[in-house]
Amino acid sequence: MKLHPWGMVYTILYIILCKIFLETFAKRRSGHVSYTIVLLGVLSVLEYVLSIFLSDFMIPKAVIIILLGTIVMSCIFEEKLLRILGLILLFQGLCFATDYISWAFLNNVFASIQQDYTLTTNMQMFMAIISQILLFCILLVIKKRFVKQDFAMLTRMEWLRVMVFPVFTIISTISMSVYFGFSTNVEQKNMLLCIAFGMLIMNILLFYLIGDILKREAGLRKEALFRKQVKSEIEMYQQISENYNQQRKREHEFRNQMLVIGALVKDRKLDMLEDYLSKWEEKPENRIDYFDTNHVIVNVVLNTKYQEARDKGIAFVVKINDLSKIQIQDEDVVIILSNLLNNAIEACESCKEKVIKIKLVKEKRQTVISVINTFGLEPVLSGGEYQTTKENKAAHGIGIHNIKETVGKYGGSCVIKHNEHLFQFIIVIPEK
C-alpha cells in the first residue's frame, strides 16, 4: 500500500477486526484496558510502516505482519503462540476472501459503466472499506455461532436487528463507490471516503456498545442469582435452627413422658399406663422428620419441601439412601435441591394430578438427583433453553441457570426434558 492519508485508519480498523475475531476463540488476559490500547496502537503503527516500506515485497510483508500480530496478540490473550498464529492465519484467509469478493464486485460494476477506476489508489481504498465491512458481517455471524456467553444472550430476532446496520453500511458504501467513479472533485472523493470509514467505525462502536450492555446485564443476572442463592441458604439454615429447637423440645418432653411412664410401671397401674400411651402416641402426620438420609442439610430441605407440598395437596414419592458421604458442599446442596423442588411445586400447583417423584441416591461413585413432576402450563423452550412462564421474566427464570452453574462446579451434567405430562430434571455428579 502506498502512502495514503487513509492508510493508517485502514490499518487500525484491520487490527480491531482481528481482535474481534480472536475474542471469539481466545480468552483475554486480565489487565488494564489502557495496556491493550497501547499494544494495539504500537501494532498499528508498525504494520502501517511495514506496509509502506515493503509494499513491493508482498510475501515477506505478509509473513512479517502475521508474525508481529501473533506476538502482540499473545500479550493480550491467554493462548499459546501456535494457537494465536493459527487464528491469525484463519483471519488472514477471511481477509483475502473478502478482498477478492469486493474487488470482483467493483470490477464488474465499473466494467458495466465502461470506466476503469479500480486500479487507482482511492478506488483501492474504497475496495478495502467494502472488504472490511463484509468481513465485519462475517465476524458477527461467527460470534453468533461460537460465542457461548454475553452475545449468546441475544435472540435470533435481536441478531437480525443488529445485522441491519452492517448490511445497510455495505449497500451505502457500494452506492458511494459507484458515485465515486463519476466524481472528479478531490474534496468530494475525500468526503465519500470519510463517510464510508465513518460508517464502518460506527458499526464497530455499536458492536462494542452492545457487548458492554450485555456484559452489564450478565453481571446483574449473576447478582440476582447470588441474591437468590443467599436467600435460599438463609431460609434453609433458619429451618435447621427451628428444627433443632423443636428437637430439643421433643427431647425434653420425651424425658418427662418417660418419667410418667416409669412411675405408672413402678406402681403397677397398667390400665392407666395403657390409656396414657394411647393418648400420648404421636400420629405419623404430625412428626417433624419424615426422611433421613444421614445428611443434615438434605434432610432439612426434603422435609421442609415435603411439608410445603403436602399442604398444597401434592403427592411426594421419594427414593433415597445414605448420603452422609456425598462430596457436595452444604450451600450447593441447598441451591440444587431448593430450586429443583421449588420449580416442581410451582409446576404442580397449576395441574389436577399433582405428583413429584424424587430420586436422591449415591451409587456407582456418583450422586444422582432426579426430580420428575407433573405440570399444568406447558414449558417454554427458546434457543434450547427452558424459559420462565411468569410475567416478570427479569425476576424469575434464573433457577435452572443457577442449578446448572452449581452442578458445573463439580463436573456434573444435567438432562432436562419433558413430554405431554411430565417434566424431568436429572443431575449426575461424579465423585472426584
Foldseek 3Di string as FASTA:
>chain_A
DADDPCLLVLLLLLLVLLVLQVVLPFAWDDDDPVVLVVLSVVLSVVLSVLCHVCVVPVPVSVVVNLLSSLVSVVVTTVDDSVVSSVSSVVLVVLLVVLLVVLLVVVVVVCVVVPDDPCPPPLNSLLSSLLSSLVSVLVSLVSSCVRPPALVVPDAPVRSVVLSVQSVVLNVVSVVLSSVLRVDPDPVSSVVSSVVSSVSVVVSVVVVVVSSVVSVVLVVVLVVLLVVVLVVLVVVLVVLLVVVVVVVVVVVVVVVVVVVVLVVCVVVVVVVVNVVVCVVPDDDPVPDQWDDDQLPSSVRSLVSVLVVVLVVLVAAEAEAEHRPNPDPADSSLVSLQSVLLSVVQSVFQNQDDHHYWYWYFYCPPQKTKTKIKTWGRDDFDDGPNDTADPDPPRSNDRCSVVSNQVSLVVQVKDWDWDDDPTMTMIMIIGGHD
